[in-house]
Amino acid sequence: MPIRTLAGVALGVVLLSGCGVLSGNSGEVCASVTAEYRRYAAELEQAPAADEGKWRQATERFAGRVDALAKKADDPQLTDALRKQTARLRAAATGLGEGDVAELDAVLRDAPAKIGAVCDG
C-alpha cells in the first residue's frame, strides 16, 4: 500500500466519538485522544509521501502523546486500551522506517473499534 493512502485512513480514525463516561476523567481523555488523532492525521497529510523517516517520526511522536494520555486516564480499561495502542504504534513506527506500512494501516483501521468502543462506554 502506498504510504500516502494511509493519510485517508488516519482521517477516518477521527471517528472516535461518543466519549462515554467510564470513570473519572475518561471523557476528557477520550476527547484528547480524538484531538491527537486529528493532529496526527494533519501531520501525515503534510509529510511527503516518499519520506518514510518523517512518517516514522510523526508516528513515534503520536505514540508518545497517546502514552501520556494512557498515564493520565483514571479508568483502567481506557488506560489498557491506550497502552496497547501505544505499543502497536511504536511497532508500526519501526516498520515505517523500512517502508513497511502494513502495521500502521492495521493500527489505524482498528482504532475506532478498539479505543472508540472503550470511549463510548
PDB file of N, CA and C in Angstrom:
ATOM      1  N   MET A   1       0.861  -1.181   0.000  1.00  0.00           N
ATOM      2  CA  MET A   1       0.000   0.000   0.000  1.00  0.00           C
ATOM      3  C   MET A   1       0.896   1.229   0.000  1.00  0.00           C
ATOM      4  N   PRO A   2       0.666   2.153  -0.894  1.00  0.00           N
ATOM      5  CA  PRO A   2       1.454   3.377  -0.885  1.00  0.00           C
ATOM      6  C   PRO A   2       1.251   4.129   0.433  1.00  0.00           C
ATOM      7  N   ILE A   3       2.317   4.701   0.920  1.00  0.00           N
ATOM      8  CA  ILE A   3       2.263   5.366   2.220  1.00  0.00           C
ATOM      9  C   ILE A   3       1.254   6.515   2.229  1.00  0.00           C
ATOM     10  N   ARG A   4       1.063   7.192   1.111  1.00  0.00           N
ATOM     11  CA  ARG A   4       0.138   8.324   1.065  1.00  0.00           C
ATOM     12  C   ARG A   4      -1.301   7.895   1.340  1.00  0.00           C
ATOM     13  N   THR A   5      -1.671   6.677   0.962  1.00  0.00           N
ATOM     14  CA  THR A   5      -3.054   6.250   1.175  1.00  0.00           C
ATOM     15  C   THR A   5      -3.388   6.155   2.656  1.00  0.00           C
ATOM     16  N   LEU A   6      -2.384   6.063   3.490  1.00  0.00           N
ATOM     17  CA  LEU A   6      -2.649   5.991   4.926  1.00  0.00           C
ATOM     18  C   LEU A   6      -3.210   7.292   5.476  1.00  0.00           C
ATOM     19  N   ALA A   7      -2.936   8.398   4.826  1.00  0.00           N
ATOM     20  CA  ALA A   7      -3.468   9.671   5.316  1.00  0.00           C
ATOM     21  C   ALA A   7      -4.986   9.618   5.347  1.00  0.00           C
ATOM     22  N   GLY A   8      -5.591   9.051   4.330  1.00  0.00           N
ATOM     23  CA  GLY A   8      -7.041   8.912   4.301  1.00  0.00           C
ATOM     24  C   GLY A   8      -7.532   7.998   5.398  1.00  0.00           C
ATOM     25  N   VAL A   9      -6.790   6.930   5.668  1.00  0.00           N
ATOM     26  CA  VAL A   9      -7.142   6.017   6.759  1.00  0.00           C
ATOM     27  C   VAL A   9      -7.071   6.758   8.081  1.00  0.00           C
ATOM     28  N   ALA A  10      -6.008   7.535   8.265  1.00  0.00           N
ATOM     29  CA  ALA A  10      -5.853   8.264   9.519  1.00  0.00           C
ATOM     30  C   ALA A  10      -7.000   9.243   9.726  1.00  0.00           C
ATOM     31  N   LEU A  11      -7.452   9.857   8.654  1.00  0.00           N
ATOM     32  CA  LEU A  11      -8.569  10.783   8.784  1.00  0.00           C
ATOM     33  C   LEU A  11      -9.834  10.047   9.208  1.00  0.00           C
ATOM     34  N   GLY A  12      -9.995   8.816   8.763  1.00  0.00           N
ATOM     35  CA  GLY A  12     -11.147   8.027   9.172  1.00  0.00           C
ATOM     36  C   GLY A  12     -11.115   7.669  10.640  1.00  0.00           C
ATOM     37  N   VAL A  13      -9.947   7.660  11.231  1.00  0.00           N
ATOM     38  CA  VAL A  13      -9.800   7.297  12.630  1.00  0.00           C
ATOM     39  C   VAL A  13     -10.409   8.342  13.557  1.00  0.00           C
ATOM     40  N   VAL A  14     -10.579   9.551  13.086  1.00  0.00           N
ATOM     41  CA  VAL A  14     -11.116  10.584  13.960  1.00  0.00           C
ATOM     42  C   VAL A  14     -12.570  10.296  14.336  1.00  0.00           C
ATOM     43  N   LEU A  15     -13.074   9.193  13.885  1.00  0.00           N
ATOM     44  CA  LEU A  15     -14.429   8.812  14.243  1.00  0.00           C
ATOM     45  C   LEU A  15     -14.502   8.208  15.637  1.00  0.00           C
ATOM     46  N   LEU A  16     -13.499   8.449  16.451  1.00  0.00           N
ATOM     47  CA  LEU A  16     -13.513   8.017  17.840  1.00  0.00           C
ATOM     48  C   LEU A  16     -14.424   8.986  18.587  1.00  0.00           C
ATOM     49  N   SER A  17     -15.685   8.735  18.515  1.00  0.00           N
ATOM     50  CA  SER A  17     -16.625   9.675  19.106  1.00  0.00           C
ATOM     51  C   SER A  17     -17.309   9.063  20.303  1.00  0.00           C
ATOM     52  N   GLY A  18     -18.240   9.777  20.817  1.00  0.00           N
ATOM     53  CA  GLY A  18     -19.024   9.281  21.932  1.00  0.00           C
ATOM     54  C   GLY A  18     -18.490   9.748  23.266  1.00  0.00           C
ATOM     55  N   CYS A  19     -17.254   9.438  23.519  1.00  0.00           N
ATOM     56  CA  CYS A  19     -16.622   9.802  24.787  1.00  0.00           C
ATOM     57  C   CYS A  19     -17.539   9.524  25.967  1.00  0.00           C
ATOM     58  N   GLY A  20     -18.094   8.342  26.016  1.00  0.00           N
ATOM     59  CA  GLY A  20     -18.951   7.954  27.121  1.00  0.00           C
ATOM     60  C   GLY A  20     -18.178   7.974  28.422  1.00  0.00           C
ATOM     61  N   VAL A  21     -18.891   8.068  29.504  1.00  0.00           N
ATOM     62  CA  VAL A  21     -18.242   8.167  30.801  1.00  0.00           C
ATOM     63  C   VAL A  21     -18.029   6.769  31.364  1.00  0.00           C
ATOM     64  N   LEU A  22     -16.777   6.390  31.525  1.00  0.00           N
ATOM     65  CA  LEU A  22     -16.437   5.132  32.163  1.00  0.00           C
ATOM     66  C   LEU A  22     -16.222   5.398  33.638  1.00  0.00           C
ATOM     67  N   SER A  23     -15.256   6.219  33.943  1.00  0.00           N
ATOM     68  CA  SER A  23     -14.997   6.656  35.308  1.00  0.00           C
ATOM     69  C   SER A  23     -14.009   7.803  35.269  1.00  0.00           C
ATOM     70  N   GLY A  24     -13.993   8.572  36.318  1.00  0.00           N
ATOM     71  CA  GLY A  24     -13.020   9.648  36.448  1.00  0.00           C
ATOM     72  C   GLY A  24     -12.999  10.593  35.274  1.00  0.00           C
ATOM     73  N   ASN A  25     -11.838  10.727  34.690  1.00  0.00           N
ATOM     74  CA  ASN A  25     -11.606  11.710  33.629  1.00  0.00           C
ATOM     75  C   ASN A  25     -11.700  11.115  32.225  1.00  0.00           C
ATOM     76  N   SER A  26     -12.425  10.033  32.060  1.00  0.00           N
ATOM     77  CA  SER A  26     -12.480   9.332  30.771  1.00  0.00           C
ATOM     78  C   SER A  26     -12.975  10.218  29.633  1.00  0.00           C
ATOM     79  N   GLY A  27     -13.991  11.008  29.868  1.00  0.00           N
ATOM     80  CA  GLY A  27     -14.498  11.883  28.822  1.00  0.00           C
ATOM     81  C   GLY A  27     -13.440  12.838  28.323  1.00  0.00           C
ATOM     82  N   GLU A  28     -12.698  13.417  29.244  1.00  0.00           N
ATOM     83  CA  GLU A  28     -11.626  14.343  28.887  1.00  0.00           C
ATOM     84  C   GLU A  28     -10.512  13.630  28.113  1.00  0.00           C
ATOM     85  N   VAL A  29     -10.124  12.450  28.588  1.00  0.00           N
ATOM     86  CA  VAL A  29      -9.058  11.697  27.924  1.00  0.00           C
ATOM     87  C   VAL A  29      -9.505  11.247  26.534  1.00  0.00           C
ATOM     88  N   CYS A  30     -10.730  10.769  26.412  1.00  0.00           N
ATOM     89  CA  CYS A  30     -11.231  10.344  25.105  1.00  0.00           C
ATOM     90  C   CYS A  30     -11.277  11.517  24.128  1.00  0.00           C
ATOM     91  N   ALA A  31     -11.701  12.667  24.592  1.00  0.00           N
ATOM     92  CA  ALA A  31     -11.709  13.852  23.733  1.00  0.00           C
ATOM     93  C   ALA A  31     -10.285  14.215  23.310  1.00  0.00           C
ATOM     94  N   SER A  32      -9.342  14.073  24.230  1.00  0.00           N
ATOM     95  CA  SER A  32      -7.944  14.362  23.915  1.00  0.00           C
ATOM     96  C   SER A  32      -7.385  13.364  22.914  1.00  0.00           C
ATOM     97  N   VAL A  33      -7.762  12.089  23.048  1.00  0.00           N
ATOM     98  CA  VAL A  33      -7.310  11.076  22.101  1.00  0.00           C
ATOM     99  C   VAL A  33      -7.816  11.419  20.705  1.00  0.00           C
ATOM    100  N   THR A  34      -9.075  11.777  20.602  1.00  0.00           N
ATOM    101  CA  THR A  34      -9.643  12.150  19.309  1.00  0.00           C
ATOM    102  C   THR A  34      -8.899  13.342  18.728  1.00  0.00           C
ATOM    103  N   ALA A  35      -8.606  14.335  19.554  1.00  0.00           N
ATOM    104  CA  ALA A  35      -7.854  15.506  19.086  1.00  0.00           C
ATOM    105  C   ALA A  35      -6.453  15.105  18.627  1.00  0.00           C
ATOM    106  N   GLU A  36      -5.832  14.173  19.334  1.00  0.00           N
ATOM    107  CA  GLU A  36      -4.494  13.723  18.950  1.00  0.00           C
ATOM    108  C   GLU A  36      -4.521  12.971  17.622  1.00  0.00           C
ATOM    109  N   TYR A  37      -5.572  12.185  17.383  1.00  0.00           N
ATOM    110  CA  TYR A  37      -5.689  11.512  16.085  1.00  0.00           C
ATOM    111  C   TYR A  37      -5.829  12.537  14.970  1.00  0.00           C
ATOM    112  N   ARG A  38      -6.593  13.578  15.207  1.00  0.00           N
ATOM    113  CA  ARG A  38      -6.728  14.630  14.184  1.00  0.00           C
ATOM    114  C   ARG A  38      -5.389  15.310  13.933  1.00  0.00           C
ATOM    115  N   ARG A  39      -4.657  15.568  15.003  1.00  0.00           N
ATOM    116  CA  ARG A  39      -3.351  16.206  14.884  1.00  0.00           C
ATOM    117  C   ARG A  39      -2.392  15.302  14.095  1.00  0.00           C
ATOM    118  N   TYR A  40      -2.425  14.024  14.411  1.00  0.00           N
ATOM    119  CA  TYR A  40      -1.579  13.063  13.716  1.00  0.00           C
ATOM    120  C   TYR A  40      -1.942  12.990  12.230  1.00  0.00           C
ATOM    121  N   ALA A  41      -3.227  12.940  11.927  1.00  0.00           N
ATOM    122  CA  ALA A  41      -3.670  12.907  10.538  1.00  0.00           C
ATOM    123  C   ALA A  41      -3.171  14.136   9.793  1.00  0.00           C
ATOM    124  N   ALA A  42      -3.207  15.291  10.445  1.00  0.00           N
ATOM    125  CA  ALA A  42      -2.712  16.522   9.814  1.00  0.00           C
ATOM    126  C   ALA A  42      -1.206  16.429   9.562  1.00  0.00           C
ATOM    127  N   GLU A  43      -0.475  15.847  10.505  1.00  0.00           N
ATOM    128  CA  GLU A  43       0.968  15.669  10.313  1.00  0.00           C
ATOM    129  C   GLU A  43       1.242  14.760   9.119  1.00  0.00           C
ATOM    130  N   LEU A  44       0.473  13.684   9.001  1.00  0.00           N
ATOM    131  CA  LEU A  44       0.670  12.769   7.881  1.00  0.00           C
ATOM    132  C   LEU A  44       0.345  13.434   6.551  1.00  0.00           C
ATOM    133  N   GLU A  45      -0.668  14.265   6.557  1.00  0.00           N
ATOM    134  CA  GLU A  45      -1.028  14.983   5.328  1.00  0.00           C
ATOM    135  C   GLU A  45       0.104  15.900   4.866  1.00  0.00           C
ATOM    136  N   GLN A  46       0.871  16.428   5.803  1.00  0.00           N
ATOM    137  CA  GLN A  46       1.961  17.345   5.479  1.00  0.00           C
ATOM    138  C   GLN A  46       3.253  16.630   5.110  1.00  0.00           C
ATOM    139  N   ALA A  47       3.387  15.369   5.513  1.00  0.00           N
ATOM    140  CA  ALA A  47       4.627  14.629   5.253  1.00  0.00           C
ATOM    141  C   ALA A  47       4.680  14.182   3.795  1.00  0.00           C
ATOM    142  N   PRO A  48       5.835  14.338   3.164  1.00  0.00           N
ATOM    143  CA  PRO A  48       5.973  13.856   1.786  1.00  0.00           C
ATOM    144  C   PRO A  48       5.712  12.344   1.726  1.00  0.00           C
ATOM    145  N   ALA A  49       5.018  11.914   0.699  1.00  0.00           N
ATOM    146  CA  ALA A  49       4.633  10.507   0.570  1.00  0.00           C
ATOM    147  C   ALA A  49       5.824   9.564   0.569  1.00  0.00           C
ATOM    148  N   ALA A  50       6.930   9.978   0.015  1.00  0.00           N
ATOM    149  CA  ALA A  50       8.090   9.099  -0.109  1.00  0.00           C
ATOM    150  C   ALA A  50       9.065   9.227   1.061  1.00  0.00           C
ATOM    151  N   ASP A  51       8.744  10.033   2.044  1.00  0.00           N
ATOM    152  CA  ASP A  51       9.670  10.257   3.154  1.00  0.00           C
ATOM    153  C   ASP A  51       9.252   9.418   4.364  1.00  0.00           C
ATOM    154  N   GLU A  52       9.666   8.161   4.360  1.00  0.00           N
ATOM    155  CA  GLU A  52       9.313   7.257   5.448  1.00  0.00           C
ATOM    156  C   GLU A  52       9.816   7.757   6.795  1.00  0.00           C
ATOM    157  N   GLY A  53      10.940   8.460   6.776  1.00  0.00           N
ATOM    158  CA  GLY A  53      11.511   8.984   8.015  1.00  0.00           C
ATOM    159  C   GLY A  53      10.577   9.968   8.707  1.00  0.00           C
ATOM    160  N   LYS A  54       9.970  10.842   7.931  1.00  0.00           N
ATOM    161  CA  LYS A  54       9.026  11.807   8.528  1.00  0.00           C
ATOM    162  C   LYS A  54       7.785  11.090   9.052  1.00  0.00           C
ATOM    163  N   TRP A  55       7.316  10.085   8.317  1.00  0.00           N
ATOM    164  CA  TRP A  55       6.154   9.316   8.770  1.00  0.00           C
ATOM    165  C   TRP A  55       6.488   8.576  10.066  1.00  0.00           C
ATOM    166  N   ARG A  56       7.701   8.012  10.121  1.00  0.00           N
ATOM    167  CA  ARG A  56       8.138   7.301  11.321  1.00  0.00           C
ATOM    168  C   ARG A  56       8.217   8.266  12.512  1.00  0.00           C
ATOM    169  N   GLN A  57       8.814   9.411  12.306  1.00  0.00           N
ATOM    170  CA  GLN A  57       8.945  10.388  13.388  1.00  0.00           C
ATOM    171  C   GLN A  57       7.583  10.870  13.869  1.00  0.00           C
ATOM    172  N   ALA A  58       6.682  11.146  12.935  1.00  0.00           N
ATOM    173  CA  ALA A  58       5.335  11.584  13.313  1.00  0.00           C
ATOM    174  C   ALA A  58       4.625  10.496  14.116  1.00  0.00           C
ATOM    175  N   THR A  59       4.806   9.255  13.707  1.00  0.00           N
ATOM    176  CA  THR A  59       4.160   8.137  14.402  1.00  0.00           C
ATOM    177  C   THR A  59       4.754   7.948  15.785  1.00  0.00           C
ATOM    178  N   GLU A  60       6.058   8.100  15.918  1.00  0.00           N
ATOM    179  CA  GLU A  60       6.705   7.996  17.234  1.00  0.00           C
ATOM    180  C   GLU A  60       6.223   9.107  18.174  1.00  0.00           C
ATOM    181  N   ARG A  61       6.118  10.320  17.648  1.00  0.00           N
ATOM    182  CA  ARG A  61       5.616  11.428  18.480  1.00  0.00           C
ATOM    183  C   ARG A  61       4.172  11.164  18.903  1.00  0.00           C
ATOM    184  N   PHE A  62       3.372  10.684  17.964  1.00  0.00           N
ATOM    185  CA  PHE A  62       1.976  10.375  18.253  1.00  0.00           C
ATOM    186  C   PHE A  62       1.873   9.287  19.314  1.00  0.00           C
ATOM    187  N   ALA A  63       2.691   8.253  19.199  1.00  0.00           N
ATOM    188  CA  ALA A  63       2.698   7.185  20.203  1.00  0.00           C
ATOM    189  C   ALA A  63       3.022   7.756  21.590  1.00  0.00           C
ATOM    190  N   GLY A  64       3.950   8.692  21.647  1.00  0.00           N
ATOM    191  CA  GLY A  64       4.292   9.328  22.916  1.00  0.00           C
ATOM    192  C   GLY A  64       3.124  10.110  23.502  1.00  0.00           C
ATOM    193  N   ARG A  65       2.369  10.777  22.638  1.00  0.00           N
ATOM    194  CA  ARG A  65       1.217  11.547  23.124  1.00  0.00           C
ATOM    195  C   ARG A  65       0.103  10.606  23.608  1.00  0.00           C
ATOM    196  N   VAL A  66      -0.096   9.485  22.905  1.00  0.00           N
ATOM    197  CA  VAL A  66      -1.097   8.513  23.335  1.00  0.00           C
ATOM    198  C   VAL A  66      -0.665   7.888  24.661  1.00  0.00           C
ATOM    199  N   ASP A  67       0.620   7.612  24.809  1.00  0.00           N
ATOM    200  CA  ASP A  67       1.142   7.054  26.054  1.00  0.00           C
ATOM    201  C   ASP A  67       0.917   8.014  27.221  1.00  0.00           C
ATOM    202  N   ALA A  68       1.134   9.293  26.981  1.00  0.00           N
ATOM    203  CA  ALA A  68       0.904  10.291  28.032  1.00  0.00           C
ATOM    204  C   ALA A  68      -0.567  10.311  28.445  1.00  0.00           C
ATOM    205  N   LEU A  69      -1.461  10.154  27.486  1.00  0.00           N
ATOM    206  CA  LEU A  69      -2.888  10.106  27.808  1.00  0.00           C
ATOM    207  C   LEU A  69      -3.238   8.827  28.565  1.00  0.00           C
ATOM    208  N   ALA A  70      -2.575   7.726  28.243  1.00  0.00           N
ATOM    209  CA  ALA A  70      -2.799   6.473  28.985  1.00  0.00           C
ATOM    210  C   ALA A  70      -2.426   6.657  30.447  1.00  0.00           C
ATOM    211  N   LYS A  71      -1.344   7.357  30.698  1.00  0.00           N
ATOM    212  CA  LYS A  71      -0.905   7.603  32.081  1.00  0.00           C
ATOM    213  C   LYS A  71      -1.854   8.542  32.812  1.00  0.00           C
ATOM    214  N   LYS A  72      -2.514   9.403  32.069  1.00  0.00           N
ATOM    215  CA  LYS A  72      -3.436  10.377  32.666  1.00  0.00           C
ATOM    216  C   LYS A  72      -4.805   9.767  32.970  1.00  0.00           C
ATOM    217  N   ALA A  73      -5.189   8.740  32.217  1.00  0.00           N
ATOM    218  CA  ALA A  73      -6.534   8.167  32.341  1.00  0.00           C
ATOM    219  C   ALA A  73      -6.752   7.523  33.711  1.00  0.00           C
ATOM    220  N   ASP A  74      -7.916   7.781  34.282  1.00  0.00           N
ATOM    221  CA  ASP A  74      -8.296   7.189  35.564  1.00  0.00           C
ATOM    222  C   ASP A  74      -8.891   5.798  35.410  1.00  0.00           C
ATOM    223  N   ASP A  75      -9.528   5.542  34.283  1.00  0.00           N
ATOM    224  CA  ASP A  75     -10.222   4.277  34.080  1.00  0.00           C
ATOM    225  C   ASP A  75      -9.238   3.205  33.602  1.00  0.00           C
ATOM    226  N   PRO A  76      -9.192   2.063  34.288  1.00  0.00           N
ATOM    227  CA  PRO A  76      -8.244   1.017  33.913  1.00  0.00           C
ATOM    228  C   PRO A  76      -8.462   0.459  32.506  1.00  0.00           C
ATOM    229  N   GLN A  77      -9.707   0.359  32.045  1.00  0.00           N
ATOM    230  CA  GLN A  77      -9.973  -0.131  30.689  1.00  0.00           C
ATOM    231  C   GLN A  77      -9.417   0.822  29.647  1.00  0.00           C
ATOM    232  N   LEU A  78      -9.610   2.101  29.872  1.00  0.00           N
ATOM    233  CA  LEU A  78      -9.105   3.102  28.939  1.00  0.00           C
ATOM    234  C   LEU A  78      -7.584   3.122  28.960  1.00  0.00           C
ATOM    235  N   THR A  79      -6.998   3.057  30.142  1.00  0.00           N
ATOM    236  CA  THR A  79      -5.540   3.013  30.260  1.00  0.00           C
ATOM    237  C   THR A  79      -4.981   1.833  29.485  1.00  0.00           C
ATOM    238  N   ASP A  80      -5.593   0.670  29.665  1.00  0.00           N
ATOM    239  CA  ASP A  80      -5.135  -0.542  28.974  1.00  0.00           C
ATOM    240  C   ASP A  80      -5.248  -0.395  27.461  1.00  0.00           C
ATOM    241  N   ALA A  81      -6.376   0.107  26.985  1.00  0.00           N
ATOM    242  CA  ALA A  81      -6.571   0.279  25.537  1.00  0.00           C
ATOM    243  C   ALA A  81      -5.536   1.238  24.954  1.00  0.00           C
ATOM    244  N   LEU A  82      -5.264   2.320  25.669  1.00  0.00           N
ATOM    245  CA  LEU A  82      -4.303   3.300  25.172  1.00  0.00           C
ATOM    246  C   LEU A  82      -2.875   2.765  25.226  1.00  0.00           C
ATOM    247  N   ARG A  83      -2.546   1.994  26.240  1.00  0.00           N
ATOM    248  CA  ARG A  83      -1.203   1.400  26.316  1.00  0.00           C
ATOM    249  C   ARG A  83      -0.990   0.403  25.178  1.00  0.00           C
ATOM    250  N   LYS A  84      -2.018  -0.381  24.892  1.00  0.00           N
ATOM    251  CA  LYS A  84      -1.904  -1.321  23.776  1.00  0.00           C
ATOM    252  C   LYS A  84      -1.747  -0.567  22.463  1.00  0.00           C
ATOM    253  N   GLN A  85      -2.479   0.522  22.323  1.00  0.00           N
ATOM    254  CA  GLN A  85      -2.373   1.339  21.108  1.00  0.00           C
ATOM    255  C   GLN A  85      -0.973   1.925  20.993  1.00  0.00           C
ATOM    256  N   THR A  86      -0.422   2.380  22.103  1.00  0.00           N
ATOM    257  CA  THR A  86       0.936   2.932  22.106  1.00  0.00           C
ATOM    258  C   THR A  86       1.940   1.891  21.625  1.00  0.00           C
ATOM    259  N   ALA A  87       1.837   0.685  22.145  1.00  0.00           N
ATOM    260  CA  ALA A  87       2.763  -0.383  21.755  1.00  0.00           C
ATOM    261  C   ALA A  87       2.648  -0.690  20.269  1.00  0.00           C
ATOM    262  N   ARG A  88       1.433  -0.744  19.774  1.00  0.00           N
ATOM    263  CA  ARG A  88       1.221  -1.026  18.350  1.00  0.00           C
ATOM    264  C   ARG A  88       1.752   0.115  17.480  1.00  0.00           C
ATOM    265  N   LEU A  89       1.553   1.355  17.926  1.00  0.00           N
ATOM    266  CA  LEU A  89       2.064   2.498  17.164  1.00  0.00           C
ATOM    267  C   LEU A  89       3.593   2.481  17.108  1.00  0.00           C
ATOM    268  N   ARG A  90       4.216   2.142  18.215  1.00  0.00           N
ATOM    269  CA  ARG A  90       5.683   2.101  18.238  1.00  0.00           C
ATOM    270  C   ARG A  90       6.211   0.991  17.325  1.00  0.00           C
ATOM    271  N   ALA A  91       5.533  -0.142  17.314  1.00  0.00           N
ATOM    272  CA  ALA A  91       5.923  -1.227  16.404  1.00  0.00           C
ATOM    273  C   ALA A  91       5.738  -0.785  14.955  1.00  0.00           C
ATOM    274  N   ALA A  92       4.646  -0.091  14.695  1.00  0.00           N
ATOM    275  CA  ALA A  92       4.381   0.395  13.339  1.00  0.00           C
ATOM    276  C   ALA A  92       5.425   1.416  12.912  1.00  0.00           C
ATOM    277  N   ALA A  93       5.858   2.255  13.832  1.00  0.00           N
ATOM    278  CA  ALA A  93       6.866   3.268  13.509  1.00  0.00           C
ATOM    279  C   ALA A  93       8.169   2.610  13.056  1.00  0.00           C
ATOM    280  N   THR A  94       8.526   1.516  13.693  1.00  0.00           N
ATOM    281  CA  THR A  94       9.731   0.791  13.300  1.00  0.00           C
ATOM    282  C   THR A  94       9.612   0.313  11.863  1.00  0.00           C
ATOM    283  N   GLY A  95       8.477  -0.244  11.523  1.00  0.00           N
ATOM    284  CA  GLY A  95       8.254  -0.708  10.159  1.00  0.00           C
ATOM    285  C   GLY A  95       8.271   0.415   9.143  1.00  0.00           C
ATOM    286  N   LEU A  96       7.757   1.570   9.539  1.00  0.00           N
ATOM    287  CA  LEU A  96       7.733   2.713   8.615  1.00  0.00           C
ATOM    288  C   LEU A  96       9.135   3.127   8.199  1.00  0.00           C
ATOM    289  N   GLY A  97      10.080   3.012   9.118  1.00  0.00           N
ATOM    290  CA  GLY A  97      11.458   3.357   8.795  1.00  0.00           C
ATOM    291  C   GLY A  97      12.029   2.469   7.706  1.00  0.00           C
ATOM    292  N   GLU A  98      11.408   1.305   7.512  1.00  0.00           N
ATOM    293  CA  GLU A  98      11.848   0.365   6.485  1.00  0.00           C
ATOM    294  C   GLU A  98      10.883   0.356   5.289  1.00  0.00           C
ATOM    295  N   GLY A  99       9.932   1.285   5.280  1.00  0.00           N
ATOM    296  CA  GLY A  99       8.983   1.377   4.179  1.00  0.00           C
ATOM    297  C   GLY A  99       7.780   0.454   4.290  1.00  0.00           C
ATOM    298  N   ASP A 100       7.619  -0.221   5.431  1.00  0.00           N
ATOM    299  CA  ASP A 100       6.504  -1.149   5.637  1.00  0.00           C
ATOM    300  C   ASP A 100       5.356  -0.422   6.322  1.00  0.00           C
ATOM    301  N   VAL A 101       4.237  -0.299   5.628  1.00  0.00           N
ATOM    302  CA  VAL A 101       3.094   0.431   6.172  1.00  0.00           C
ATOM    303  C   VAL A 101       1.978  -0.487   6.672  1.00  0.00           C
ATOM    304  N   ALA A 102       2.156  -1.796   6.553  1.00  0.00           N
ATOM    305  CA  ALA A 102       1.089  -2.737   6.897  1.00  0.00           C
ATOM    306  C   ALA A 102       0.646  -2.601   8.353  1.00  0.00           C
ATOM    307  N   GLU A 103       1.591  -2.521   9.280  1.00  0.00           N
ATOM    308  CA  GLU A 103       1.220  -2.438  10.699  1.00  0.00           C
ATOM    309  C   GLU A 103       0.512  -1.118  11.012  1.00  0.00           C
ATOM    310  N   LEU A 104       1.010  -0.022  10.453  1.00  0.00           N
ATOM    311  CA  LEU A 104       0.347   1.257  10.695  1.00  0.00           C
ATOM    312  C   LEU A 104      -1.070   1.240  10.129  1.00  0.00           C
ATOM    313  N   ASP A 105      -1.218   0.685   8.969  1.00  0.00           N
ATOM    314  CA  ASP A 105      -2.544   0.561   8.370  1.00  0.00           C
ATOM    315  C   ASP A 105      -3.480  -0.199   9.307  1.00  0.00           C
ATOM    316  N   ALA A 106      -3.012  -1.315   9.855  1.00  0.00           N
ATOM    317  CA  ALA A 106      -3.839  -2.125  10.765  1.00  0.00           C
ATOM    318  C   ALA A 106      -4.173  -1.354  12.035  1.00  0.00           C
ATOM    319  N   VAL A 107      -3.196  -0.665  12.584  1.00  0.00           N
ATOM    320  CA  VAL A 107      -3.423   0.100  13.822  1.00  0.00           C
ATOM    321  C   VAL A 107      -4.484   1.173  13.603  1.00  0.00           C
ATOM    322  N   LEU A 108      -4.365   1.893  12.505  1.00  0.00           N
ATOM    323  CA  LEU A 108      -5.301   2.978  12.241  1.00  0.00           C
ATOM    324  C   LEU A 108      -6.700   2.458  11.925  1.00  0.00           C
ATOM    325  N   ARG A 109      -6.772   1.352  11.237  1.00  0.00           N
ATOM    326  CA  ARG A 109      -8.083   0.772  10.915  1.00  0.00           C
ATOM    327  C   ARG A 109      -8.783   0.230  12.166  1.00  0.00           C
ATOM    328  N   ASP A 110      -8.007  -0.289  13.107  1.00  0.00           N
ATOM    329  CA  ASP A 110      -8.569  -0.886  14.329  1.00  0.00           C
ATOM    330  C   ASP A 110      -8.927   0.131  15.403  1.00  0.00           C
ATOM    331  N   ALA A 111      -8.377   1.324  15.326  1.00  0.00           N
ATOM    332  CA  ALA A 111      -8.539   2.297  16.407  1.00  0.00           C
ATOM    333  C   ALA A 111     -10.000   2.599  16.757  1.00  0.00           C
ATOM    334  N   PRO A 112     -10.871   2.830  15.784  1.00  0.00           N
ATOM    335  CA  PRO A 112     -12.257   3.120  16.178  1.00  0.00           C
ATOM    336  C   PRO A 112     -12.891   1.984  16.969  1.00  0.00           C
ATOM    337  N   ALA A 113     -12.581   0.752  16.600  1.00  0.00           N
ATOM    338  CA  ALA A 113     -13.175  -0.383  17.320  1.00  0.00           C
ATOM    339  C   ALA A 113     -12.528  -0.575  18.684  1.00  0.00           C
ATOM    340  N   LYS A 114     -11.212  -0.437  18.753  1.00  0.00           N
ATOM    341  CA  LYS A 114     -10.510  -0.735  19.996  1.00  0.00           C
ATOM    342  C   LYS A 114     -10.579   0.397  21.012  1.00  0.00           C
ATOM    343  N   ILE A 115     -10.372   1.611  20.576  1.00  0.00           N
ATOM    344  CA  ILE A 115     -10.402   2.738  21.502  1.00  0.00           C
ATOM    345  C   ILE A 115     -11.794   3.340  21.546  1.00  0.00           C
ATOM    346  N   GLY A 116     -12.411   3.468  20.393  1.00  0.00           N
ATOM    347  CA  GLY A 116     -13.762   4.027  20.336  1.00  0.00           C
ATOM    348  C   GLY A 116     -14.745   3.236  21.183  1.00  0.00           C
ATOM    349  N   ALA A 117     -14.607   1.925  21.170  1.00  0.00           N
ATOM    350  CA  ALA A 117     -15.511   1.083  21.973  1.00  0.00           C
ATOM    351  C   ALA A 117     -15.372   1.382  23.460  1.00  0.00           C
ATOM    352  N   VAL A 118     -14.144   1.596  23.914  1.00  0.00           N
ATOM    353  CA  VAL A 118     -13.909   1.920  25.321  1.00  0.00           C
ATOM    354  C   VAL A 118     -14.432   3.318  25.630  1.00  0.00           C
ATOM    355  N   CYS A 119     -14.169   4.246  24.736  1.00  0.00           N
ATOM    356  CA  CYS A 119     -14.613   5.628  24.966  1.00  0.00           C
ATOM    357  C   CYS A 119     -16.126   5.775  24.908  1.00  0.00           C
ATOM    358  N   ASP A 120     -16.767   4.946  24.110  1.00  0.00           N
ATOM    359  CA  ASP A 120     -18.220   5.022  24.023  1.00  0.00           C
ATOM    360  C   ASP A 120     -18.896   4.421  25.239  1.00  0.00           C
ATOM    361  N   GLY A 121     -18.097   3.728  26.051  1.00  0.00           N
ATOM    362  CA  GLY A 121     -18.600   3.153  27.313  1.00  0.00           C
ATOM    363  C   GLY A 121     -19.718   2.260  27.065  1.00  0.00           C
TER     364      GLY A 121
END
